[in-house]
C-alpha atoms as a PDB file:
ATOM      1  CA  UNK A   1     -15.079  -1.547  22.363  1.00  0.00           C
ATOM      2  CA  UNK A   2     -15.225  -3.760  19.277  1.00  0.00           C
ATOM      3  CA  UNK A   3     -14.784  -2.410  15.761  1.00  0.00           C
ATOM      4  CA  UNK A   4     -15.591  -4.053  12.430  1.00  0.00           C
ATOM      5  CA  UNK A   5     -13.606  -2.580   9.515  1.00  0.00           C
ATOM      6  CA  UNK A   6     -13.961  -3.051   5.755  1.00  0.00           C
ATOM      7  CA  UNK A   7     -11.435  -2.560   2.937  1.00  0.00           C
ATOM      8  CA  UNK A   8     -12.330  -2.629  -0.789  1.00  0.00           C
ATOM      9  CA  UNK A   9     -10.165   0.132  -2.245  1.00  0.00           C
ATOM     10  CA  UNK A  10      -8.635  -1.923  -5.065  1.00  0.00           C
ATOM     11  CA  UNK A  11      -8.553  -5.691  -5.611  1.00  0.00           C
ATOM     12  CA  UNK A  12      -8.532  -7.117  -2.075  1.00  0.00           C
ATOM     13  CA  UNK A  13     -11.788  -7.660  -0.205  1.00  0.00           C
ATOM     14  CA  UNK A  14     -10.992  -7.479   3.491  1.00  0.00           C
ATOM     15  CA  UNK A  15     -12.639  -7.310   6.897  1.00  0.00           C
ATOM     16  CA  UNK A  16     -11.131  -7.078  10.354  1.00  0.00           C
ATOM     17  CA  UNK A  17     -12.262  -7.005  13.959  1.00  0.00           C
ATOM     18  CA  UNK A  18     -10.207  -5.076  16.508  1.00  0.00           C
ATOM     19  CA  UNK A  19     -10.514  -3.503  19.935  1.00  0.00           C
ATOM     20  CA  UNK A  20      -9.940   0.085  21.047  1.00  0.00           C
ATOM     21  CA  UNK A  21      -6.451  -0.753  22.412  1.00  0.00           C
ATOM     22  CA  UNK A  22      -6.092  -1.298  19.391  1.00  0.00           C
ATOM     23  CA  UNK A  23      -5.650  -5.076  19.265  1.00  0.00           C
ATOM     24  CA  UNK A  24      -6.508  -7.113  16.172  1.00  0.00           C
ATOM     25  CA  UNK A  25      -8.793 -10.093  16.813  1.00  0.00           C
ATOM     26  CA  UNK A  26      -9.260 -11.117  13.172  1.00  0.00           C
ATOM     27  CA  UNK A  27      -7.965  -9.957   9.796  1.00  0.00           C
ATOM     28  CA  UNK A  28      -9.403 -11.662   6.706  1.00  0.00           C
ATOM     29  CA  UNK A  29      -8.404 -10.909   3.108  1.00  0.00           C
ATOM     30  CA  UNK A  30      -9.932 -12.410  -0.048  1.00  0.00           C
ATOM     31  CA  UNK A  31      -7.572 -12.036  -2.998  1.00  0.00           C
ATOM     32  CA  UNK A  32      -8.752 -11.384  -6.553  1.00  0.00           C
ATOM     33  CA  UNK A  33      -5.403 -12.118  -8.235  1.00  0.00           C
ATOM     34  CA  UNK A  34      -6.706 -15.096 -10.219  1.00  0.00           C
ATOM     35  CA  UNK A  35      -9.552 -13.018 -11.653  1.00  0.00           C
ATOM     36  CA  UNK A  36      -7.220 -10.300 -12.958  1.00  0.00           C
ATOM     37  CA  UNK A  37      -4.388 -12.582 -14.048  1.00  0.00           C
ATOM     38  CA  UNK A  38      -5.614 -13.030 -17.672  1.00  0.00           C
ATOM     39  CA  UNK A  39      -5.633  -9.249 -18.145  1.00  0.00           C
ATOM     40  CA  UNK A  40      -2.190  -8.533 -16.688  1.00  0.00           C
ATOM     41  CA  UNK A  41      -3.578  -5.941 -14.276  1.00  0.00           C
ATOM     42  CA  UNK A  42      -6.544  -4.920 -12.181  1.00  0.00           C
ATOM     43  CA  UNK A  43      -9.765  -4.432 -14.165  1.00  0.00           C
ATOM     44  CA  UNK A  44     -11.960  -2.017 -12.159  1.00  0.00           C
ATOM     45  CA  UNK A  45     -15.321  -3.525 -13.147  1.00  0.00           C
ATOM     46  CA  UNK A  46     -14.143  -7.058 -12.362  1.00  0.00           C
ATOM     47  CA  UNK A  47     -12.777  -5.827  -9.025  1.00  0.00           C
ATOM     48  CA  UNK A  48     -16.094  -4.228  -8.072  1.00  0.00           C
ATOM     49  CA  UNK A  49     -18.088  -7.346  -8.988  1.00  0.00           C
ATOM     50  CA  UNK A  50     -15.704  -9.546  -6.995  1.00  0.00           C
ATOM     51  CA  UNK A  51     -16.048  -7.273  -3.950  1.00  0.00           C
ATOM     52  CA  UNK A  52     -19.801  -7.611  -4.216  1.00  0.00           C
ATOM     53  CA  UNK A  53     -19.487 -11.403  -4.137  1.00  0.00           C
ATOM     54  CA  UNK A  54     -16.864 -11.504  -1.392  1.00  0.00           C
ATOM     55  CA  UNK A  55     -17.893  -8.825   1.076  1.00  0.00           C
ATOM     56  CA  UNK A  56     -20.481 -10.745   3.117  1.00  0.00           C
ATOM     57  CA  UNK A  57     -18.484 -14.013   3.345  1.00  0.00           C
ATOM     58  CA  UNK A  58     -15.378 -12.035   4.375  1.00  0.00           C
ATOM     59  CA  UNK A  59     -17.319 -10.198   7.102  1.00  0.00           C
ATOM     60  CA  UNK A  60     -18.759 -13.474   8.368  1.00  0.00           C
ATOM     61  CA  UNK A  61     -15.309 -15.089   8.429  1.00  0.00           C
ATOM     62  CA  UNK A  62     -13.798 -12.151  10.338  1.00  0.00           C
ATOM     63  CA  UNK A  63     -16.539 -12.318  12.979  1.00  0.00           C
ATOM     64  CA  UNK A  64     -16.117 -16.078  13.296  1.00  0.00           C
ATOM     65  CA  UNK A  65     -12.341 -15.868  13.727  1.00  0.00           C
ATOM     66  CA  UNK A  66     -12.733 -13.106  16.299  1.00  0.00           C
ATOM     67  CA  UNK A  67     -15.299 -15.176  18.196  1.00  0.00           C
ATOM     68  CA  UNK A  68     -17.876 -12.398  18.251  1.00  0.00           C
ATOM     69  CA  UNK A  69     -21.308 -11.774  16.774  1.00  0.00           C
ATOM     70  CA  UNK A  70     -22.415  -8.824  14.696  1.00  0.00           C
ATOM     71  CA  UNK A  71     -24.550  -7.569  17.589  1.00  0.00           C
ATOM     72  CA  UNK A  72     -21.437  -7.255  19.756  1.00  0.00           C
ATOM     73  CA  UNK A  73     -19.794  -4.791  17.344  1.00  0.00           C
ATOM     74  CA  UNK A  74     -19.746  -1.226  18.694  1.00  0.00           C
ATOM     75  CA  UNK A  75     -18.616   0.712  15.611  1.00  0.00           C
ATOM     76  CA  UNK A  76     -18.160   0.250  11.857  1.00  0.00           C
ATOM     77  CA  UNK A  77     -15.081   1.534  10.012  1.00  0.00           C
ATOM     78  CA  UNK A  78     -14.402   1.667   6.287  1.00  0.00           C
ATOM     79  CA  UNK A  79     -11.709   2.887   3.906  1.00  0.00           C
ATOM     80  CA  UNK A  80     -13.562   5.413   1.749  1.00  0.00           C
ATOM     81  CA  UNK A  81     -10.610   7.116   0.005  1.00  0.00           C
ATOM     82  CA  UNK A  82      -8.506   6.884  -2.146  1.00  0.00           C
ATOM     83  CA  UNK A  83      -8.952   3.997  -4.578  1.00  0.00           C
ATOM     84  CA  UNK A  84     -11.035   2.702  -7.468  1.00  0.00           C
ATOM     85  CA  UNK A  85     -14.417   4.365  -7.132  1.00  0.00           C
ATOM     86  CA  UNK A  86     -16.458   1.281  -8.076  1.00  0.00           C
ATOM     87  CA  UNK A  87     -14.506  -0.876  -5.649  1.00  0.00           C
ATOM     88  CA  UNK A  88     -14.704   1.665  -2.831  1.00  0.00           C
ATOM     89  CA  UNK A  89     -18.465   1.944  -3.263  1.00  0.00           C
ATOM     90  CA  UNK A  90     -18.963  -1.707  -2.294  1.00  0.00           C
ATOM     91  CA  UNK A  91     -17.205  -1.309   1.045  1.00  0.00           C
ATOM     92  CA  UNK A  92     -18.745   2.085   1.781  1.00  0.00           C
ATOM     93  CA  UNK A  93     -22.255   0.856   0.957  1.00  0.00           C
ATOM     94  CA  UNK A  94     -21.832  -2.249   3.122  1.00  0.00           C
ATOM     95  CA  UNK A  95     -20.479  -0.185   6.013  1.00  0.00           C
ATOM     96  CA  UNK A  96     -23.351   2.292   5.832  1.00  0.00           C
ATOM     97  CA  UNK A  97     -25.867  -0.531   5.726  1.00  0.00           C
ATOM     98  CA  UNK A  98     -24.335  -2.135   8.819  1.00  0.00           C
ATOM     99  CA  UNK A  99     -24.168   1.196  10.644  1.00  0.00           C
ATOM    100  CA  UNK A 100     -27.841   1.873   9.942  1.00  0.00           C
ATOM    101  CA  UNK A 101     -29.083  -1.649  10.662  1.00  0.00           C
ATOM    102  CA  UNK A 102     -27.120  -2.019  13.897  1.00  0.00           C
ATOM    103  CA  UNK A 103     -27.509   1.624  14.947  1.00  0.00           C
ATOM    104  CA  UNK A 104     -23.752   1.879  15.442  1.00  0.00           C
ATOM    105  CA  UNK A 105     -21.460   4.833  14.645  1.00  0.00           C
ATOM    106  CA  UNK A 106     -19.704   4.958  11.273  1.00  0.00           C
ATOM    107  CA  UNK A 107     -16.037   5.912  10.914  1.00  0.00           C
ATOM    108  CA  UNK A 108     -14.492   6.912   7.554  1.00  0.00           C
ATOM    109  CA  UNK A 109     -10.792   6.170   7.183  1.00  0.00           C
ATOM    110  CA  UNK A 110      -8.191   7.263   4.637  1.00  0.00           C
ATOM    111  CA  UNK A 111      -6.558   4.180   3.096  1.00  0.00           C
ATOM    112  CA  UNK A 112      -3.141   5.824   2.673  1.00  0.00           C
ATOM    113  CA  UNK A 113      -3.071   7.103   6.251  1.00  0.00           C
ATOM    114  CA  UNK A 114      -3.939   3.572   7.359  1.00  0.00           C
ATOM    115  CA  UNK A 115      -0.777   2.236   5.689  1.00  0.00           C
ATOM    116  CA  UNK A 116       1.269   4.411   8.065  1.00  0.00           C
ATOM    117  CA  UNK A 117      -0.919   3.450  11.018  1.00  0.00           C
ATOM    118  CA  UNK A 118      -0.133  -0.207  10.296  1.00  0.00           C
ATOM    119  CA  UNK A 119       3.306   0.603  11.718  1.00  0.00           C
ATOM    120  CA  UNK A 120       1.694   1.867  14.934  1.00  0.00           C
ATOM    121  CA  UNK A 121      -0.444  -1.264  15.049  1.00  0.00           C
ATOM    122  CA  UNK A 122       2.570  -3.554  14.656  1.00  0.00           C
ATOM    123  CA  UNK A 123       4.724  -1.612  17.123  1.00  0.00           C
ATOM    124  CA  UNK A 124       2.094  -1.713  19.836  1.00  0.00           C
ATOM    125  CA  UNK A 125       3.026   1.802  20.932  1.00  0.00           C
ATOM    126  CA  UNK A 126       2.934   5.395  19.775  1.00  0.00           C
ATOM    127  CA  UNK A 127       5.237   6.150  16.819  1.00  0.00           C
ATOM    128  CA  UNK A 128       4.212   9.749  16.157  1.00  0.00           C
ATOM    129  CA  UNK A 129       5.521  12.249  15.180  1.00  0.00           C
ATOM    130  CA  UNK A 130       7.337  10.559  12.298  1.00  0.00           C
ATOM    131  CA  UNK A 131       8.135  10.694   8.609  1.00  0.00           C
ATOM    132  CA  UNK A 132       5.784   8.380   6.729  1.00  0.00           C
ATOM    133  CA  UNK A 133       6.685   6.667   3.455  1.00  0.00           C
ATOM    134  CA  UNK A 134       3.845   5.002   1.541  1.00  0.00           C
ATOM    135  CA  UNK A 135       4.950   2.793  -1.355  1.00  0.00           C
ATOM    136  CA  UNK A 136       2.211   0.878  -3.157  1.00  0.00           C
ATOM    137  CA  UNK A 137       0.719   0.190  -6.561  1.00  0.00           C
ATOM    138  CA  UNK A 138      -1.138   3.482  -6.568  1.00  0.00           C
ATOM    139  CA  UNK A 139       0.942   5.724  -4.310  1.00  0.00           C
ATOM    140  CA  UNK A 140       4.536   6.684  -3.681  1.00  0.00           C
ATOM    141  CA  UNK A 141       4.762   9.617  -1.278  1.00  0.00           C
ATOM    142  CA  UNK A 142       6.486  10.956   1.813  1.00  0.00           C
ATOM    143  CA  UNK A 143       4.608  12.672   4.621  1.00  0.00           C
ATOM    144  CA  UNK A 144       5.368  14.537   7.792  1.00  0.00           C
ATOM    145  CA  UNK A 145       3.051  12.916  10.332  1.00  0.00           C
ATOM    146  CA  UNK A 146       2.727  14.901  13.584  1.00  0.00           C
ATOM    147  CA  UNK A 147      -0.098  12.619  14.705  1.00  0.00           C
ATOM    148  CA  UNK A 148      -2.015   9.556  13.426  1.00  0.00           C
ATOM    149  CA  UNK A 149      -4.704  11.695  11.790  1.00  0.00           C
ATOM    150  CA  UNK A 150      -2.541  14.480  10.389  1.00  0.00           C
ATOM    151  CA  UNK A 151      -0.348  13.900   7.342  1.00  0.00           C
ATOM    152  CA  UNK A 152       1.398  16.766   5.605  1.00  0.00           C
ATOM    153  CA  UNK A 153       2.520  15.802   2.104  1.00  0.00           C
ATOM    154  CA  UNK A 154       6.237  16.397   1.609  1.00  0.00           C
ATOM    155  CA  UNK A 155       6.294  15.066  -1.944  1.00  0.00           C
ATOM    156  CA  UNK A 156       5.123  12.291  -4.201  1.00  0.00           C
ATOM    157  CA  UNK A 157       5.447  10.790  -7.642  1.00  0.00           C
ATOM    158  CA  UNK A 158       4.758  12.904 -10.704  1.00  0.00           C
ATOM    159  CA  UNK A 159       3.878   9.834 -12.824  1.00  0.00           C
ATOM    160  CA  UNK A 160       3.990   6.103 -12.026  1.00  0.00           C
ATOM    161  CA  UNK A 161       3.921   4.868  -8.444  1.00  0.00           C
ATOM    162  CA  UNK A 162       6.724   2.455  -7.534  1.00  0.00           C
ATOM    163  CA  UNK A 163       4.360  -0.514  -7.335  1.00  0.00           C
ATOM    164  CA  UNK A 164       2.869   0.355 -10.713  1.00  0.00           C
ATOM    165  CA  UNK A 165       6.373   0.490 -12.189  1.00  0.00           C
ATOM    166  CA  UNK A 166       7.137  -2.942 -10.714  1.00  0.00           C
ATOM    167  CA  UNK A 167       4.003  -4.365 -12.340  1.00  0.00           C
ATOM    168  CA  UNK A 168       4.696  -2.753 -15.713  1.00  0.00           C
ATOM    169  CA  UNK A 169       8.326  -3.846 -15.797  1.00  0.00           C
ATOM    170  CA  UNK A 170       7.233  -7.311 -14.706  1.00  0.00           C
ATOM    171  CA  UNK A 171       4.941  -7.361 -17.745  1.00  0.00           C
ATOM    172  CA  UNK A 172       7.753  -6.175 -20.054  1.00  0.00           C
ATOM    173  CA  UNK A 173       9.909  -9.027 -18.772  1.00  0.00           C
ATOM    174  CA  UNK A 174       7.076 -11.535 -19.207  1.00  0.00           C
ATOM    175  CA  UNK A 175       6.917 -12.333 -15.488  1.00  0.00           C
ATOM    176  CA  UNK A 176       3.125 -12.231 -15.202  1.00  0.00           C
ATOM    177  CA  UNK A 177       0.772 -10.538 -12.740  1.00  0.00           C
ATOM    178  CA  UNK A 178       1.208  -9.331 -10.080  1.00  0.00           C
ATOM    179  CA  UNK A 179       4.592  -8.132 -11.253  1.00  0.00           C
ATOM    180  CA  UNK A 180       6.057  -7.028  -7.920  1.00  0.00           C
ATOM    181  CA  UNK A 181       6.602 -10.411  -6.223  1.00  0.00           C
ATOM    182  CA  UNK A 182       7.561 -12.080  -9.518  1.00  0.00           C
ATOM    183  CA  UNK A 183      10.105  -9.387 -10.328  1.00  0.00           C
ATOM    184  CA  UNK A 184      11.596  -9.639  -6.838  1.00  0.00           C
ATOM    185  CA  UNK A 185      12.096 -13.392  -7.330  1.00  0.00           C
ATOM    186  CA  UNK A 186      13.711 -12.840 -10.733  1.00  0.00           C
ATOM    187  CA  UNK A 187      15.935 -10.086  -9.340  1.00  0.00           C
ATOM    188  CA  UNK A 188      17.225 -12.401  -6.616  1.00  0.00           C
ATOM    189  CA  UNK A 189      19.279 -14.300  -9.237  1.00  0.00           C
ATOM    190  CA  UNK A 190      20.419 -11.212 -11.169  1.00  0.00           C
ATOM    191  CA  UNK A 191      23.207  -8.649 -10.947  1.00  0.00           C
ATOM    192  CA  UNK A 192      21.901  -5.308  -9.610  1.00  0.00           C
ATOM    193  CA  UNK A 193      24.830  -3.408 -11.128  1.00  0.00           C
ATOM    194  CA  UNK A 194      24.576  -4.902 -14.627  1.00  0.00           C
ATOM    195  CA  UNK A 195      22.640  -1.895 -15.999  1.00  0.00           C
ATOM    196  CA  UNK A 196      22.958   1.709 -14.874  1.00  0.00           C
ATOM    197  CA  UNK A 197      19.288   2.645 -15.064  1.00  0.00           C
ATOM    198  CA  UNK A 198      18.192   6.248 -14.367  1.00  0.00           C
ATOM    199  CA  UNK A 199      17.424   7.335 -10.807  1.00  0.00           C
ATOM    200  CA  UNK A 200      15.287  10.434 -11.264  1.00  0.00           C
ATOM    201  CA  UNK A 201      15.812  13.288  -8.767  1.00  0.00           C
ATOM    202  CA  UNK A 202      18.279  11.150  -6.789  1.00  0.00           C
ATOM    203  CA  UNK A 203      20.599  14.105  -6.102  1.00  0.00           C
ATOM    204  CA  UNK A 204      17.865  16.749  -6.111  1.00  0.00           C
ATOM    205  CA  UNK A 205      16.844  18.493  -2.866  1.00  0.00           C
ATOM    206  CA  UNK A 206      13.188  18.234  -3.877  1.00  0.00           C
ATOM    207  CA  UNK A 207      11.204  15.382  -2.377  1.00  0.00           C
ATOM    208  CA  UNK A 208       9.813  14.081  -5.632  1.00  0.00           C
ATOM    209  CA  UNK A 209       9.667  10.759  -7.461  1.00  0.00           C
ATOM    210  CA  UNK A 210       9.423   9.727 -11.108  1.00  0.00           C
ATOM    211  CA  UNK A 211       9.574   6.143 -12.336  1.00  0.00           C
ATOM    212  CA  UNK A 212       8.263   6.556 -15.884  1.00  0.00           C
ATOM    213  CA  UNK A 213      11.719   7.164 -17.367  1.00  0.00           C
ATOM    214  CA  UNK A 214      13.080   4.138 -15.531  1.00  0.00           C
ATOM    215  CA  UNK A 215      10.330   1.992 -16.999  1.00  0.00           C
ATOM    216  CA  UNK A 216      11.108   3.306 -20.492  1.00  0.00           C
ATOM    217  CA  UNK A 217      14.820   2.576 -20.008  1.00  0.00           C
ATOM    218  CA  UNK A 218      13.958  -1.032 -19.203  1.00  0.00           C
ATOM    219  CA  UNK A 219      11.714  -1.225 -22.282  1.00  0.00           C
ATOM    220  CA  UNK A 220      14.470   0.029 -24.587  1.00  0.00           C
ATOM    221  CA  UNK A 221      17.052  -2.275 -22.994  1.00  0.00           C
ATOM    222  CA  UNK A 222      14.837  -5.254 -23.801  1.00  0.00           C
ATOM    223  CA  UNK A 223      13.552  -4.265 -27.257  1.00  0.00           C
ATOM    224  CA  UNK A 224      15.998  -1.631 -28.494  1.00  0.00           C
ATOM    225  CA  UNK A 225      15.954   2.180 -28.354  1.00  0.00           C
ATOM    226  CA  UNK A 226      12.701   3.641 -29.619  1.00  0.00           C
ATOM    227  CA  UNK A 227      11.051   0.220 -29.884  1.00  0.00           C
ATOM    228  CA  UNK A 228       8.057  -0.316 -27.621  1.00  0.00           C
ATOM    229  CA  UNK A 229       7.169  -3.879 -28.561  1.00  0.00           C
ATOM    230  CA  UNK A 230       9.031  -7.083 -29.254  1.00  0.00           C
ATOM    231  CA  UNK A 231       9.449 -10.678 -28.148  1.00  0.00           C
ATOM    232  CA  UNK A 232       9.303 -11.411 -24.444  1.00  0.00           C
ATOM    233  CA  UNK A 233      12.791 -12.112 -23.073  1.00  0.00           C
ATOM    234  CA  UNK A 234      13.500 -15.713 -22.189  1.00  0.00           C
ATOM    235  CA  UNK A 235      14.783 -16.833 -18.781  1.00  0.00           C
ATOM    236  CA  UNK A 236      18.471 -16.061 -18.490  1.00  0.00           C
ATOM    237  CA  UNK A 237      21.032 -13.428 -17.497  1.00  0.00           C
ATOM    238  CA  UNK A 238      19.428 -10.617 -19.529  1.00  0.00           C
ATOM    239  CA  UNK A 239      16.057 -10.946 -17.819  1.00  0.00           C
ATOM    240  CA  UNK A 240      17.390 -11.482 -14.312  1.00  0.00           C
ATOM    241  CA  UNK A 241      20.021  -8.717 -14.594  1.00  0.00           C
ATOM    242  CA  UNK A 242      17.471  -6.208 -15.899  1.00  0.00           C
ATOM    243  CA  UNK A 243      15.085  -7.133 -13.060  1.00  0.00           C
ATOM    244  CA  UNK A 244      17.802  -6.763 -10.435  1.00  0.00           C
ATOM    245  CA  UNK A 245      19.089  -3.471 -11.876  1.00  0.00           C
ATOM    246  CA  UNK A 246      15.575  -2.029 -12.100  1.00  0.00           C
ATOM    247  CA  UNK A 247      14.761  -3.056  -8.540  1.00  0.00           C
ATOM    248  CA  UNK A 248      18.004  -1.522  -7.257  1.00  0.00           C
ATOM    249  CA  UNK A 249      17.273   1.775  -9.008  1.00  0.00           C
ATOM    250  CA  UNK A 250      13.852   2.024  -7.363  1.00  0.00           C
ATOM    251  CA  UNK A 251      15.271   1.138  -3.944  1.00  0.00           C
ATOM    252  CA  UNK A 252      18.097   3.658  -4.224  1.00  0.00           C
ATOM    253  CA  UNK A 253      15.630   6.476  -4.881  1.00  0.00           C
ATOM    254  CA  UNK A 254      13.175   5.450  -2.155  1.00  0.00           C
ATOM    255  CA  UNK A 255      15.912   5.202   0.462  1.00  0.00           C
ATOM    256  CA  UNK A 256      17.606   8.455  -0.574  1.00  0.00           C
ATOM    257  CA  UNK A 257      14.367  10.445  -0.534  1.00  0.00           C
ATOM    258  CA  UNK A 258      13.373   8.968   2.834  1.00  0.00           C
ATOM    259  CA  UNK A 259      16.695  10.126   4.255  1.00  0.00           C
ATOM    260  CA  UNK A 260      16.186  13.546   2.670  1.00  0.00           C
ATOM    261  CA  UNK A 261      12.747  13.847   4.290  1.00  0.00           C
ATOM    262  CA  UNK A 262      14.230  12.994   7.675  1.00  0.00           C
ATOM    263  CA  UNK A 263      16.965  15.599   7.265  1.00  0.00           C
ATOM    264  CA  UNK A 264      14.509  18.286   6.160  1.00  0.00           C
ATOM    265  CA  UNK A 265      11.973  17.647   8.942  1.00  0.00           C
ATOM    266  CA  UNK A 266      14.420  16.898  11.744  1.00  0.00           C
ATOM    267  CA  UNK A 267      12.335  13.908  12.794  1.00  0.00           C
ATOM    268  CA  UNK A 268      14.077  10.730  13.949  1.00  0.00           C
ATOM    269  CA  UNK A 269      11.398   8.158  13.145  1.00  0.00           C
ATOM    270  CA  UNK A 270      10.521   6.624   9.786  1.00  0.00           C
ATOM    271  CA  UNK A 271       7.306   4.634   9.305  1.00  0.00           C
ATOM    272  CA  UNK A 272       6.934   2.736   6.039  1.00  0.00           C
ATOM    273  CA  UNK A 273       3.780   1.156   4.624  1.00  0.00           C
ATOM    274  CA  UNK A 274       2.229  -0.135   1.408  1.00  0.00           C
ATOM    275  CA  UNK A 275       2.499  -3.277  -0.680  1.00  0.00           C
ATOM    276  CA  UNK A 276       5.991  -2.562  -2.049  1.00  0.00           C
ATOM    277  CA  UNK A 277       7.242  -2.574   1.548  1.00  0.00           C
ATOM    278  CA  UNK A 278       6.968  -6.362   1.378  1.00  0.00           C
ATOM    279  CA  UNK A 279      10.044  -6.291  -0.878  1.00  0.00           C
ATOM    280  CA  UNK A 280      12.873  -7.801   1.193  1.00  0.00           C
ATOM    281  CA  UNK A 281      15.638  -5.830  -0.536  1.00  0.00           C
ATOM    282  CA  UNK A 282      13.826  -2.553   0.175  1.00  0.00           C
ATOM    283  CA  UNK A 283      13.303  -3.488   3.815  1.00  0.00           C
ATOM    284  CA  UNK A 284      16.965  -4.372   4.161  1.00  0.00           C
ATOM    285  CA  UNK A 285      18.118  -1.125   2.520  1.00  0.00           C
ATOM    286  CA  UNK A 286      15.868   0.965   4.779  1.00  0.00           C
ATOM    287  CA  UNK A 287      17.142  -0.884   7.836  1.00  0.00           C
ATOM    288  CA  UNK A 288      20.738  -0.239   6.786  1.00  0.00           C
ATOM    289  CA  UNK A 289      20.118   3.474   6.191  1.00  0.00           C
ATOM    290  CA  UNK A 290      18.231   4.083   9.438  1.00  0.00           C
ATOM    291  CA  UNK A 291      20.787   2.154  11.484  1.00  0.00           C
ATOM    292  CA  UNK A 292      23.621   4.169   9.959  1.00  0.00           C
ATOM    293  CA  UNK A 293      21.997   7.498  10.845  1.00  0.00           C
ATOM    294  CA  UNK A 294      20.449   6.536  14.171  1.00  0.00           C
ATOM    295  CA  UNK A 295      16.839   6.721  12.963  1.00  0.00           C
ATOM    296  CA  UNK A 296      14.060   4.610  14.462  1.00  0.00           C
ATOM    297  CA  UNK A 297      12.452   2.487  11.728  1.00  0.00           C
ATOM    298  CA  UNK A 298       8.943   1.047  11.780  1.00  0.00           C
ATOM    299  CA  UNK A 299       7.929  -1.469   9.112  1.00  0.00           C
ATOM    300  CA  UNK A 300       4.873  -3.702   9.629  1.00  0.00           C
ATOM    301  CA  UNK A 301       4.946  -7.461   9.022  1.00  0.00           C
ATOM    302  CA  UNK A 302       4.142  -8.706   5.531  1.00  0.00           C
ATOM    303  CA  UNK A 303       0.439  -9.300   6.225  1.00  0.00           C
ATOM    304  CA  UNK A 304      -0.017  -5.632   7.208  1.00  0.00           C
ATOM    305  CA  UNK A 305       1.929  -4.240   4.219  1.00  0.00           C
ATOM    306  CA  UNK A 306      -0.484  -5.255   1.479  1.00  0.00           C
ATOM    307  CA  UNK A 307      -4.085  -4.005   1.517  1.00  0.00           C
ATOM    308  CA  UNK A 308      -6.015  -5.228   4.554  1.00  0.00           C
ATOM    309  CA  UNK A 309      -8.710  -4.042   6.938  1.00  0.00           C
ATOM    310  CA  UNK A 310      -6.749  -4.344  10.200  1.00  0.00           C
ATOM    311  CA  UNK A 311      -4.801  -1.186   9.380  1.00  0.00           C
ATOM    312  CA  UNK A 312      -8.147   0.648   9.454  1.00  0.00           C
ATOM    313  CA  UNK A 313      -7.637   0.527  13.238  1.00  0.00           C
ATOM    314  CA  UNK A 314      -6.794   4.156  12.567  1.00  0.00           C
ATOM    315  CA  UNK A 315     -10.552   4.480  13.118  1.00  0.00           C
ATOM    316  CA  UNK A 316      -9.892   4.079  16.858  1.00  0.00           C
ATOM    317  CA  UNK A 317      -8.126   7.460  16.800  1.00  0.00           C
ATOM    318  CA  UNK A 318     -11.166   9.037  15.127  1.00  0.00           C
ATOM    319  CA  UNK A 319     -13.526   7.353  17.592  1.00  0.00           C
ATOM    320  CA  UNK A 320     -11.589   8.819  20.536  1.00  0.00           C
ATOM    321  CA  UNK A 321     -12.044  12.297  19.061  1.00  0.00           C
ATOM    322  CA  UNK A 322     -15.701  11.714  18.185  1.00  0.00           C
ATOM    323  CA  UNK A 323     -15.044  12.167  14.456  1.00  0.00           C
ATOM    324  CA  UNK A 324     -17.921  10.085  13.115  1.00  0.00           C
ATOM    325  CA  UNK A 325     -19.158   9.949   9.520  1.00  0.00           C
ATOM    326  CA  UNK A 326     -22.707  10.624   8.374  1.00  0.00           C
ATOM    327  CA  UNK A 327     -24.760   8.097   6.432  1.00  0.00           C
ATOM    328  CA  UNK A 328     -24.359  10.183   3.289  1.00  0.00           C
ATOM    329  CA  UNK A 329     -20.660   9.218   3.247  1.00  0.00           C
ATOM    330  CA  UNK A 330     -19.495   8.704  -0.320  1.00  0.00           C
ATOM    331  CA  UNK A 331     -16.596   6.869  -1.925  1.00  0.00           C
ATOM    332  CA  UNK A 332     -13.878   9.323  -2.962  1.00  0.00           C
ATOM    333  CA  UNK A 333     -11.360   7.945  -5.488  1.00  0.00           C
ATOM    334  CA  UNK A 334      -8.901  10.805  -5.018  1.00  0.00           C
ATOM    335  CA  UNK A 335      -6.786  11.887  -2.094  1.00  0.00           C
ATOM    336  CA  UNK A 336      -8.810  13.949   0.394  1.00  0.00           C
ATOM    337  CA  UNK A 337      -6.911  14.270   3.643  1.00  0.00           C
END
């Protein structure tokens, strides 16, 4: 069986070809970073227009790299939720068109669930049941995952997602867009204990996140208490120390809440996905925590952390159960499953 999968949930246009093992034959991603750079963040309309331009070339490139033709594809998969509705519509529309034209089954996949399945894909073996941590620009949440297709929400963020906070703090520090990688580079030369930034709910037994107050604390440290605007800090100890201290605060909370979820569920496996998982300090901290407590950790390689279509291999699990989508499938911007 050969599957063609599409991903257009935010600002990456992606296509992948994989087998029912699942084994990835090709994984192609077209970045839109340059298009959004002047605006300091993702502009939904620009993202949708870029997907429209990129989707067919990305599909063609994925087929070429996999060494297969469109007629050899047996099923079409697409991330249809959650995400930016205009962006999602491009991928969903393309997938429905291909399904109809090729007379092949259509499989609808949850983008967040796919981030956890990326760990299964990288491991090459079953990782369920497990605790799943998704940390991205739009989501920060912990799940109890008894199986690949079942995710019970344990708790999430009540305001900013961790990745969103990274981007916003990166902007405050004048580090550009995307803020996450730039802030990580700046933090690498700073002192993570220079500022004692807030760690919301760190010692609370609730599995809940909040990064808005942390972002505000950074803002006031840079511009002064109660001041929301001011000159961008110049390169130097202030900027690097604030970056490092902010990053450490986020990591401390993510690691502590992951450990709390493991204690509360009794599970001994932790699977972590999402773009923020590419942060080396976070990966290291999670490895240290899981090693200390004898927990099995699954983190995918960098290319499967950020948005991509290969992680939609979760569709293989749906195909095995015969859970196909109808051609009236719609893009759903909010969490469904």
